[in-house]
Amino acid sequence: MQTLLLRQMQKGQTGTIRAIKIGGELGRRIREMGLIPGAQITIHGRAPLNDPVAIRVMNGTLTLRNSEADYIQVEVQ
């Protein structure tokens, strides 16, 4: 399987979060949203200029800026 940054994933692509590569306040906020290693995610859509990205995680939809998505490593299926 291939590992990508969340920002590099395409619409409809599914994967499993492998690592969150940031600490501090931003890392805590990302983890509080349910984006933790082992969580299954699917790219739901992107805004017209590709920022932000909408993802499905734990039966909910979240949006992240690309600057936040750059810190999330995903193993794609």
Foldseek 3Di string as FASTA:
>chain_A
DDKDQQLPDDAFWKWFWADQQDDDPLSVVCVVVVNDGGWIKGFHAADPVRAWTWMDTPNDIDTDGVVRSRRIMTDTD
